[in-house]
Amino acid sequence: MNAPQLVVHRDKDLMAQAAAARLITKVVDAQASRGSASIVLTGGRNGNGLLAALAAAPARDAIDWGRLDLWWGDERFLPEGDPERNVTQAREALLDAVPLDPERVHAMPASDGPYGSDAEAAAEGYAAELAKAAGPEDHGGVPAFDVLMLGVGPDTHVASLFPELPAVRETERTVVGVHGAPKPPPTRVSLTLPAIRAAREVWLLAAGDDKAGAVRIALSGAGEIQAPAAGAYGTARTLWLLDEPAASRLPRSLYPPASA
């Protein structure tokens, strides 16, 4: 486990713009070195804010969108096209505006998809898709994602891994069905911590006063069962991207002055 790095921006808009610029650079570098790139998207206000900032960034065209694989960290198990689904929101924020290869957009199954209302079967199907994309050099049955992004909830949840629930305790499977989530909808599909930790870089996004307590808990040595965000880290780098309100309850010794 590498020590997390923190970048604190003045406000959420600046955080989104800076994160989008950082992501463009990371994808372009990965494509230059390996021919393609693989990233994992997150939903929520911060994840969607980053995608909207990316859509508005003039440098977005530096990315070869046809050589980019997109995955999701979790999904609300709702019908295709439901406005609450992460993939629906991502399409509206960015995906419909860029020339992606549809075969490389790996949305999680919907509740009216090939697995019907069986969230566990949907999770198994997505795990199989991940395993098929993993190379011989990858470990744990998933690709070594270049960047995996996660929003941090006020309760410290990441993806759909909520404190104390069975999904956050999973150590073998890469994708699980989540039942009884404490925020609606109760049924979801989520990557597990082992799958998250296969990523080269994990970026955790948090903005707003309502995230300050969760950020403090996750970065203060809490256990991952009680604070799932504490268990999310990458093989090469773990980056917390915060705005000043979200960082307001951290000791100043933990992070440098705001970089933007």
C-alpha atoms as a PDB file:
ATOM      1  CA  MET A   1       0.000   0.000   0.000  1.00  0.00           C
ATOM      2  CA  ASN A   2       1.392   3.379  -1.008  1.00  0.00           C
ATOM      3  CA  ALA A   3       0.865   6.483   1.086  1.00  0.00           C
ATOM      4  CA  PRO A   4      -1.992   8.615  -0.237  1.00  0.00           C
ATOM      5  CA  GLN A   5      -1.197  11.948  -1.854  1.00  0.00           C
ATOM      6  CA  LEU A   6      -3.522  14.912  -1.371  1.00  0.00           C
ATOM      7  CA  VAL A   7      -4.273  17.825  -3.676  1.00  0.00           C
ATOM      8  CA  VAL A   8      -6.586  20.497  -2.298  1.00  0.00           C
ATOM      9  CA  HIS A   9      -8.248  23.032  -4.575  1.00  0.00           C
ATOM     10  CA  ARG A  10     -10.098  26.196  -3.658  1.00  0.00           C
ATOM     11  CA  ASP A  11     -13.562  25.003  -4.710  1.00  0.00           C
ATOM     12  CA  LYS A  12     -15.358  22.134  -6.420  1.00  0.00           C
ATOM     13  CA  ASP A  13     -15.369  23.724  -9.870  1.00  0.00           C
ATOM     14  CA  LEU A  14     -11.632  24.269  -9.831  1.00  0.00           C
ATOM     15  CA  MET A  15     -11.164  20.737  -8.497  1.00  0.00           C
ATOM     16  CA  ALA A  16     -13.203  19.313 -11.394  1.00  0.00           C
ATOM     17  CA  GLN A  17     -11.296  21.319 -13.998  1.00  0.00           C
ATOM     18  CA  ALA A  18      -7.908  20.379 -12.574  1.00  0.00           C
ATOM     19  CA  ALA A  19      -8.879  16.708 -12.277  1.00  0.00           C
ATOM     20  CA  ALA A  20     -10.070  16.712 -15.901  1.00  0.00           C
ATOM     21  CA  ALA A  21      -6.753  18.176 -17.029  1.00  0.00           C
ATOM     22  CA  ARG A  22      -4.890  15.608 -14.956  1.00  0.00           C
ATOM     23  CA  LEU A  23      -6.956  12.794 -16.493  1.00  0.00           C
ATOM     24  CA  ILE A  24      -6.298  13.982 -20.054  1.00  0.00           C
ATOM     25  CA  THR A  25      -2.565  13.898 -19.392  1.00  0.00           C
ATOM     26  CA  LYS A  26      -2.741  10.439 -17.829  1.00  0.00           C
ATOM     27  CA  VAL A  27      -4.763   8.958 -20.714  1.00  0.00           C
ATOM     28  CA  VAL A  28      -2.558  10.523 -23.390  1.00  0.00           C
ATOM     29  CA  ASP A  29       0.572   9.225 -21.669  1.00  0.00           C
ATOM     30  CA  ALA A  30      -0.888   5.719 -21.354  1.00  0.00           C
ATOM     31  CA  GLN A  31      -1.902   5.668 -25.004  1.00  0.00           C
ATOM     32  CA  ALA A  32       1.551   6.855 -26.041  1.00  0.00           C
ATOM     33  CA  SER A  33       3.278   4.130 -24.043  1.00  0.00           C
ATOM     34  CA  ARG A  34       0.911   1.172 -24.514  1.00  0.00           C
ATOM     35  CA  GLY A  35      -1.342   2.092 -27.435  1.00  0.00           C
ATOM     36  CA  SER A  36      -4.523   2.264 -25.377  1.00  0.00           C
ATOM     37  CA  ALA A  37      -5.776   3.335 -21.975  1.00  0.00           C
ATOM     38  CA  SER A  38      -8.305   2.001 -19.488  1.00  0.00           C
ATOM     39  CA  ILE A  39     -10.145   4.073 -16.915  1.00  0.00           C
ATOM     40  CA  VAL A  40     -12.934   3.447 -14.427  1.00  0.00           C
ATOM     41  CA  LEU A  41     -15.603   6.117 -14.071  1.00  0.00           C
ATOM     42  CA  THR A  42     -17.554   7.092 -10.999  1.00  0.00           C
ATOM     43  CA  GLY A  43     -20.952   8.719 -10.692  1.00  0.00           C
ATOM     44  CA  GLY A  44     -22.269  11.234  -8.224  1.00  0.00           C
ATOM     45  CA  ARG A  45     -21.882  14.981  -8.288  1.00  0.00           C
ATOM     46  CA  ASN A  46     -18.098  14.953  -8.245  1.00  0.00           C
ATOM     47  CA  GLY A  47     -17.692  12.226 -10.844  1.00  0.00           C
ATOM     48  CA  ASN A  48     -20.190  13.882 -13.151  1.00  0.00           C
ATOM     49  CA  GLY A  49     -18.627  17.269 -12.491  1.00  0.00           C
ATOM     50  CA  LEU A  50     -15.279  15.930 -13.657  1.00  0.00           C
ATOM     51  CA  LEU A  51     -16.851  14.518 -16.840  1.00  0.00           C
ATOM     52  CA  ALA A  52     -18.579  17.827 -17.583  1.00  0.00           C
ATOM     53  CA  ALA A  53     -15.281  19.656 -17.091  1.00  0.00           C
ATOM     54  CA  LEU A  54     -13.610  17.164 -19.416  1.00  0.00           C
ATOM     55  CA  ALA A  55     -16.295  17.760 -22.048  1.00  0.00           C
ATOM     56  CA  ALA A  56     -15.598  21.505 -21.865  1.00  0.00           C
ATOM     57  CA  ALA A  57     -11.802  21.195 -21.922  1.00  0.00           C
ATOM     58  CA  PRO A  58     -10.202  22.214 -25.253  1.00  0.00           C
ATOM     59  CA  ALA A  59      -7.477  19.624 -24.632  1.00  0.00           C
ATOM     60  CA  ARG A  60      -9.974  16.757 -24.602  1.00  0.00           C
ATOM     61  CA  ASP A  61      -9.231  16.135 -28.285  1.00  0.00           C
ATOM     62  CA  ALA A  62      -5.683  15.136 -27.351  1.00  0.00           C
ATOM     63  CA  ILE A  63      -7.217  11.826 -26.271  1.00  0.00           C
ATOM     64  CA  ASP A  64      -7.651   9.156 -28.916  1.00  0.00           C
ATOM     65  CA  TRP A  65     -11.181   8.260 -27.816  1.00  0.00           C
ATOM     66  CA  GLY A  66     -11.276   5.203 -30.040  1.00  0.00           C
ATOM     67  CA  ARG A  67      -8.431   3.635 -28.056  1.00  0.00           C
ATOM     68  CA  LEU A  68      -9.941   4.168 -24.618  1.00  0.00           C
ATOM     69  CA  ASP A  69     -11.691   1.506 -22.540  1.00  0.00           C
ATOM     70  CA  LEU A  70     -14.275   2.784 -20.079  1.00  0.00           C
ATOM     71  CA  TRP A  71     -15.465   0.781 -17.098  1.00  0.00           C
ATOM     72  CA  TRP A  72     -17.582   1.641 -14.070  1.00  0.00           C
ATOM     73  CA  GLY A  73     -16.872   1.192 -10.387  1.00  0.00           C
ATOM     74  CA  ASP A  74     -20.517   0.647  -9.549  1.00  0.00           C
ATOM     75  CA  GLU A  75     -23.996   1.051 -10.911  1.00  0.00           C
ATOM     76  CA  ARG A  76     -27.523   1.456  -9.685  1.00  0.00           C
ATOM     77  CA  PHE A  77     -29.372  -1.711 -10.692  1.00  0.00           C
ATOM     78  CA  LEU A  78     -32.152   0.025 -12.608  1.00  0.00           C
ATOM     79  CA  PRO A  79     -33.584  -0.267 -16.143  1.00  0.00           C
ATOM     80  CA  GLU A  80     -31.513   0.804 -19.136  1.00  0.00           C
ATOM     81  CA  GLY A  81     -31.748   4.555 -19.688  1.00  0.00           C
ATOM     82  CA  ASP A  82     -32.952   5.322 -16.168  1.00  0.00           C
ATOM     83  CA  PRO A  83     -31.770   8.848 -15.300  1.00  0.00           C
ATOM     84  CA  GLU A  84     -30.348   7.607 -12.002  1.00  0.00           C
ATOM     85  CA  ARG A  85     -27.957   5.164 -13.662  1.00  0.00           C
ATOM     86  CA  ASN A  86     -24.329   6.276 -13.675  1.00  0.00           C
ATOM     87  CA  VAL A  87     -23.908   5.383 -17.335  1.00  0.00           C
ATOM     88  CA  THR A  88     -26.932   7.503 -18.297  1.00  0.00           C
ATOM     89  CA  GLN A  89     -25.494  10.503 -16.474  1.00  0.00           C
ATOM     90  CA  ALA A  90     -22.039   9.900 -17.958  1.00  0.00           C
ATOM     91  CA  ARG A  91     -23.473   9.835 -21.475  1.00  0.00           C
ATOM     92  CA  GLU A  92     -25.198  13.162 -20.871  1.00  0.00           C
ATOM     93  CA  ALA A  93     -22.113  14.759 -19.319  1.00  0.00           C
ATOM     94  CA  LEU A  94     -19.496  13.567 -21.826  1.00  0.00           C
ATOM     95  CA  LEU A  95     -19.749  10.236 -23.591  1.00  0.00           C
ATOM     96  CA  ASP A  96     -22.283  11.208 -26.254  1.00  0.00           C
ATOM     97  CA  ALA A  97     -20.035  14.115 -27.277  1.00  0.00           C
ATOM     98  CA  VAL A  98     -16.835  12.171 -28.009  1.00  0.00           C
ATOM     99  CA  PRO A  99     -16.007   9.501 -30.635  1.00  0.00           C
ATOM    100  CA  LEU A 100     -15.772   6.430 -28.424  1.00  0.00           C
ATOM    101  CA  ASP A 101     -15.668   2.891 -29.741  1.00  0.00           C
ATOM    102  CA  PRO A 102     -18.980   1.426 -28.492  1.00  0.00           C
ATOM    103  CA  GLU A 103     -17.287  -1.951 -28.029  1.00  0.00           C
ATOM    104  CA  ARG A 104     -14.945  -0.357 -25.482  1.00  0.00           C
ATOM    105  CA  VAL A 105     -17.660   1.223 -23.342  1.00  0.00           C
ATOM    106  CA  HIS A 106     -18.279  -1.419 -20.692  1.00  0.00           C
ATOM    107  CA  ALA A 107     -21.474  -0.397 -18.927  1.00  0.00           C
ATOM    108  CA  MET A 108     -22.656  -2.544 -16.044  1.00  0.00           C
ATOM    109  CA  PRO A 109     -25.826  -4.559 -16.770  1.00  0.00           C
ATOM    110  CA  ALA A 110     -29.231  -2.970 -16.259  1.00  0.00           C
ATOM    111  CA  SER A 111     -32.102  -4.573 -14.374  1.00  0.00           C
ATOM    112  CA  ASP A 112     -33.940  -5.137 -17.655  1.00  0.00           C
ATOM    113  CA  GLY A 113     -30.830  -6.474 -19.386  1.00  0.00           C
ATOM    114  CA  PRO A 114     -29.689 -10.031 -20.136  1.00  0.00           C
ATOM    115  CA  TYR A 115     -29.657 -11.022 -16.460  1.00  0.00           C
ATOM    116  CA  GLY A 116     -33.085  -9.643 -15.652  1.00  0.00           C
ATOM    117  CA  SER A 117     -33.580  -8.627 -12.038  1.00  0.00           C
ATOM    118  CA  ASP A 118     -30.803 -10.919 -10.738  1.00  0.00           C
ATOM    119  CA  ALA A 119     -28.115  -8.548  -9.455  1.00  0.00           C
ATOM    120  CA  GLU A 120     -25.790 -11.409  -8.532  1.00  0.00           C
ATOM    121  CA  ALA A 121     -25.922 -12.801 -12.065  1.00  0.00           C
ATOM    122  CA  ALA A 122     -25.302  -9.308 -13.427  1.00  0.00           C
ATOM    123  CA  ALA A 123     -22.257  -9.026 -11.175  1.00  0.00           C
ATOM    124  CA  GLU A 124     -20.952 -12.383 -12.388  1.00  0.00           C
ATOM    125  CA  GLY A 125     -21.438 -11.271 -15.979  1.00  0.00           C
ATOM    126  CA  TYR A 126     -19.481  -8.074 -15.436  1.00  0.00           C
ATOM    127  CA  ALA A 127     -16.738  -9.993 -13.631  1.00  0.00           C
ATOM    128  CA  ALA A 128     -16.468 -12.276 -16.660  1.00  0.00           C
ATOM    129  CA  GLU A 129     -16.181  -9.254 -18.953  1.00  0.00           C
ATOM    130  CA  LEU A 130     -13.400  -7.846 -16.798  1.00  0.00           C
ATOM    131  CA  ALA A 131     -11.578 -11.182 -16.736  1.00  0.00           C
ATOM    132  CA  LYS A 132     -11.773 -11.419 -20.523  1.00  0.00           C
ATOM    133  CA  ALA A 133     -10.162  -7.971 -20.829  1.00  0.00           C
ATOM    134  CA  ALA A 134      -7.367  -8.771 -18.371  1.00  0.00           C
ATOM    135  CA  GLY A 135      -3.986  -9.500 -19.921  1.00  0.00           C
ATOM    136  CA  PRO A 136      -1.540 -12.243 -18.924  1.00  0.00           C
ATOM    137  CA  GLU A 137       0.424  -9.691 -16.921  1.00  0.00           C
ATOM    138  CA  ASP A 138      -2.623  -8.570 -14.940  1.00  0.00           C
ATOM    139  CA  HIS A 139      -3.519 -10.074 -11.604  1.00  0.00           C
ATOM    140  CA  GLY A 140      -6.778 -10.701  -9.834  1.00  0.00           C
ATOM    141  CA  GLY A 141      -9.009 -11.180 -12.850  1.00  0.00           C
ATOM    142  CA  VAL A 142      -9.289  -7.538 -13.893  1.00  0.00           C
ATOM    143  CA  PRO A 143      -7.271  -5.249 -16.176  1.00  0.00           C
ATOM    144  CA  ALA A 144      -4.674  -3.034 -14.529  1.00  0.00           C
ATOM    145  CA  PHE A 145      -6.711   0.131 -15.003  1.00  0.00           C
ATOM    146  CA  ASP A 146      -4.657   3.255 -15.660  1.00  0.00           C
ATOM    147  CA  VAL A 147      -6.959   5.360 -13.475  1.00  0.00           C
ATOM    148  CA  LEU A 148      -9.860   4.272 -11.294  1.00  0.00           C
ATOM    149  CA  MET A 149     -11.947   7.141  -9.945  1.00  0.00           C
ATOM    150  CA  LEU A 150     -14.156   6.981  -6.873  1.00  0.00           C
ATOM    151  CA  GLY A 151     -16.445   9.463  -5.237  1.00  0.00           C
ATOM    152  CA  VAL A 152     -16.370   9.451  -1.443  1.00  0.00           C
ATOM    153  CA  GLY A 153     -19.731   9.445   0.316  1.00  0.00           C
ATOM    154  CA  PRO A 154     -20.464  11.287   3.578  1.00  0.00           C
ATOM    155  CA  ASP A 155     -20.479   7.867   5.284  1.00  0.00           C
ATOM    156  CA  THR A 156     -17.056   7.013   3.718  1.00  0.00           C
ATOM    157  CA  HIS A 157     -18.552   4.646   1.134  1.00  0.00           C
ATOM    158  CA  VAL A 158     -16.855   4.273  -2.247  1.00  0.00           C
ATOM    159  CA  ALA A 159     -18.411   2.649  -5.327  1.00  0.00           C
ATOM    160  CA  SER A 160     -21.331   0.820  -3.661  1.00  0.00           C
ATOM    161  CA  LEU A 161     -19.220  -0.498  -0.807  1.00  0.00           C
ATOM    162  CA  PHE A 162     -20.932   0.768   2.332  1.00  0.00           C
ATOM    163  CA  PRO A 163     -19.563   0.533   5.889  1.00  0.00           C
ATOM    164  CA  GLU A 164     -20.108  -2.838   7.554  1.00  0.00           C
ATOM    165  CA  LEU A 165     -22.169  -4.343   4.690  1.00  0.00           C
ATOM    166  CA  PRO A 166     -21.120  -7.694   3.186  1.00  0.00           C
ATOM    167  CA  ALA A 167     -19.785  -6.236  -0.075  1.00  0.00           C
ATOM    168  CA  VAL A 168     -16.958  -4.361   1.648  1.00  0.00           C
ATOM    169  CA  ARG A 169     -15.834  -7.603   3.279  1.00  0.00           C
ATOM    170  CA  GLU A 170     -15.495  -9.473  -0.035  1.00  0.00           C
ATOM    171  CA  THR A 171     -11.959 -10.737  -0.630  1.00  0.00           C
ATOM    172  CA  GLU A 172     -12.341 -13.165  -3.558  1.00  0.00           C
ATOM    173  CA  ARG A 173     -14.834 -11.875  -6.117  1.00  0.00           C
ATOM    174  CA  THR A 174     -14.153  -8.793  -8.260  1.00  0.00           C
ATOM    175  CA  VAL A 175     -17.789  -7.722  -8.681  1.00  0.00           C
ATOM    176  CA  VAL A 176     -20.747  -8.261  -6.363  1.00  0.00           C
ATOM    177  CA  GLY A 177     -24.431  -7.532  -6.159  1.00  0.00           C
ATOM    178  CA  VAL A 178     -25.259  -5.137  -3.333  1.00  0.00           C
ATOM    179  CA  HIS A 179     -28.560  -5.474  -1.500  1.00  0.00           C
ATOM    180  CA  GLY A 180     -30.017  -3.224   1.168  1.00  0.00           C
ATOM    181  CA  ALA A 181     -27.837  -0.203   0.377  1.00  0.00           C
ATOM    182  CA  PRO A 182     -28.559   2.566   2.898  1.00  0.00           C
ATOM    183  CA  LYS A 183     -29.196   5.076   0.101  1.00  0.00           C
ATOM    184  CA  PRO A 184     -31.590   4.489  -2.793  1.00  0.00           C
ATOM    185  CA  PRO A 185     -31.801   2.464  -4.831  1.00  0.00           C
ATOM    186  CA  PRO A 186     -31.095  -0.422  -2.458  1.00  0.00           C
ATOM    187  CA  THR A 187     -29.909  -2.831  -5.164  1.00  0.00           C
ATOM    188  CA  ARG A 188     -26.638  -2.135  -6.966  1.00  0.00           C
ATOM    189  CA  VAL A 189     -23.666  -3.772  -8.660  1.00  0.00           C
ATOM    190  CA  SER A 190     -20.172  -2.854  -7.503  1.00  0.00           C
ATOM    191  CA  LEU A 191     -16.500  -3.586  -7.908  1.00  0.00           C
ATOM    192  CA  THR A 192     -14.964  -4.958  -4.739  1.00  0.00           C
ATOM    193  CA  LEU A 193     -11.868  -3.691  -2.957  1.00  0.00           C
ATOM    194  CA  PRO A 194      -9.640  -6.383  -4.553  1.00  0.00           C
ATOM    195  CA  ALA A 195     -10.715  -5.186  -8.020  1.00  0.00           C
ATOM    196  CA  ILE A 196     -10.212  -1.537  -7.069  1.00  0.00           C
ATOM    197  CA  ARG A 197      -6.722  -2.250  -5.779  1.00  0.00           C
ATOM    198  CA  ALA A 198      -5.687  -3.724  -9.140  1.00  0.00           C
ATOM    199  CA  ALA A 199      -5.676  -0.214 -10.644  1.00  0.00           C
ATOM    200  CA  ARG A 200      -2.387   1.535 -11.222  1.00  0.00           C
ATOM    201  CA  GLU A 201      -3.822   4.768  -9.844  1.00  0.00           C
ATOM    202  CA  VAL A 202      -6.872   5.271  -7.648  1.00  0.00           C
ATOM    203  CA  TRP A 203      -8.269   8.795  -7.433  1.00  0.00           C
ATOM    204  CA  LEU A 204     -10.732   9.618  -4.661  1.00  0.00           C
ATOM    205  CA  LEU A 205     -12.865  12.712  -5.255  1.00  0.00           C
ATOM    206  CA  ALA A 206     -14.534  14.675  -2.473  1.00  0.00           C
ATOM    207  CA  ALA A 207     -15.924  18.196  -2.455  1.00  0.00           C
ATOM    208  CA  GLY A 208     -18.150  20.029  -0.023  1.00  0.00           C
ATOM    209  CA  ASP A 209     -18.589  20.444   3.709  1.00  0.00           C
ATOM    210  CA  ASP A 210     -20.675  17.284   3.897  1.00  0.00           C
ATOM    211  CA  LYS A 211     -17.624  15.210   2.907  1.00  0.00           C
ATOM    212  CA  ALA A 212     -15.221  16.701   5.489  1.00  0.00           C
ATOM    213  CA  GLY A 213     -15.957  14.142   8.195  1.00  0.00           C
ATOM    214  CA  ALA A 214     -15.601  11.203   5.829  1.00  0.00           C
ATOM    215  CA  VAL A 215     -12.296  12.511   4.492  1.00  0.00           C
ATOM    216  CA  ARG A 216     -10.938  12.931   7.995  1.00  0.00           C
ATOM    217  CA  ILE A 217     -12.022   9.447   9.069  1.00  0.00           C
ATOM    218  CA  ALA A 218     -10.676   7.713   5.955  1.00  0.00           C
ATOM    219  CA  LEU A 219      -7.296   9.419   6.230  1.00  0.00           C
ATOM    220  CA  SER A 220      -6.907   8.973   9.980  1.00  0.00           C
ATOM    221  CA  GLY A 221      -6.137   5.264   9.983  1.00  0.00           C
ATOM    222  CA  ALA A 222      -9.671   3.886  10.120  1.00  0.00           C
ATOM    223  CA  GLY A 223     -10.258   0.303   9.027  1.00  0.00           C
ATOM    224  CA  GLU A 224     -11.770  -0.415   5.619  1.00  0.00           C
ATOM    225  CA  ILE A 225     -14.794  -2.277   7.021  1.00  0.00           C
ATOM    226  CA  GLN A 226     -15.850   0.789   8.982  1.00  0.00           C
ATOM    227  CA  ALA A 227     -14.563   3.279   6.375  1.00  0.00           C
ATOM    228  CA  PRO A 228     -14.416   1.718   2.898  1.00  0.00           C
ATOM    229  CA  ALA A 229     -12.615   4.735   1.426  1.00  0.00           C
ATOM    230  CA  ALA A 230      -9.650   3.852   3.634  1.00  0.00           C
ATOM    231  CA  GLY A 231      -9.300   0.556   1.754  1.00  0.00           C
ATOM    232  CA  ALA A 232      -9.197   2.064  -1.732  1.00  0.00           C
ATOM    233  CA  TYR A 233      -5.680   2.439  -3.097  1.00  0.00           C
ATOM    234  CA  GLY A 234      -3.738   1.850  -6.284  1.00  0.00           C
ATOM    235  CA  THR A 235      -0.657  -0.205  -7.025  1.00  0.00           C
ATOM    236  CA  ALA A 236       1.372   2.848  -8.071  1.00  0.00           C
ATOM    237  CA  ARG A 237      -0.460   5.847  -6.647  1.00  0.00           C
ATOM    238  CA  THR A 238      -3.409   6.834  -4.488  1.00  0.00           C
ATOM    239  CA  LEU A 239      -4.561  10.407  -5.014  1.00  0.00           C
ATOM    240  CA  TRP A 240      -7.152  12.297  -2.998  1.00  0.00           C
ATOM    241  CA  LEU A 241      -8.571  15.243  -4.958  1.00  0.00           C
ATOM    242  CA  LEU A 242     -10.362  17.600  -2.584  1.00  0.00           C
ATOM    243  CA  ASP A 243     -11.729  21.093  -2.352  1.00  0.00           C
ATOM    244  CA  GLU A 244     -11.069  23.239   0.694  1.00  0.00           C
ATOM    245  CA  PRO A 245     -14.417  22.514   2.408  1.00  0.00           C
ATOM    246  CA  ALA A 246     -13.864  18.745   2.121  1.00  0.00           C
ATOM    247  CA  ALA A 247     -10.345  19.126   3.525  1.00  0.00           C
ATOM    248  CA  SER A 248     -11.396  21.507   6.296  1.00  0.00           C
ATOM    249  CA  ARG A 249     -11.234  18.925   9.097  1.00  0.00           C
ATOM    250  CA  LEU A 250      -7.826  17.535   8.161  1.00  0.00           C
ATOM    251  CA  PRO A 251      -4.672  18.582   9.997  1.00  0.00           C
ATOM    252  CA  ARG A 252      -2.828  21.084   7.805  1.00  0.00           C
ATOM    253  CA  SER A 253       0.264  18.917   8.150  1.00  0.00           C
ATOM    254  CA  LEU A 254      -1.376  16.314   5.903  1.00  0.00           C
ATOM    255  CA  TYR A 255      -1.487  18.422   2.785  1.00  0.00           C
ATOM    256  CA  PRO A 256       0.384  21.281   1.126  1.00  0.00           C
ATOM    257  CA  PRO A 257      -1.178  24.665   0.414  1.00  0.00           C
ATOM    258  CA  ALA A 258      -3.792  24.589  -2.335  1.00  0.00           C
ATOM    259  CA  SER A 259      -2.138  24.093  -5.691  1.00  0.00           C
ATOM    260  CA  ALA A 260      -4.735  26.012  -7.635  1.00  0.00           C
END
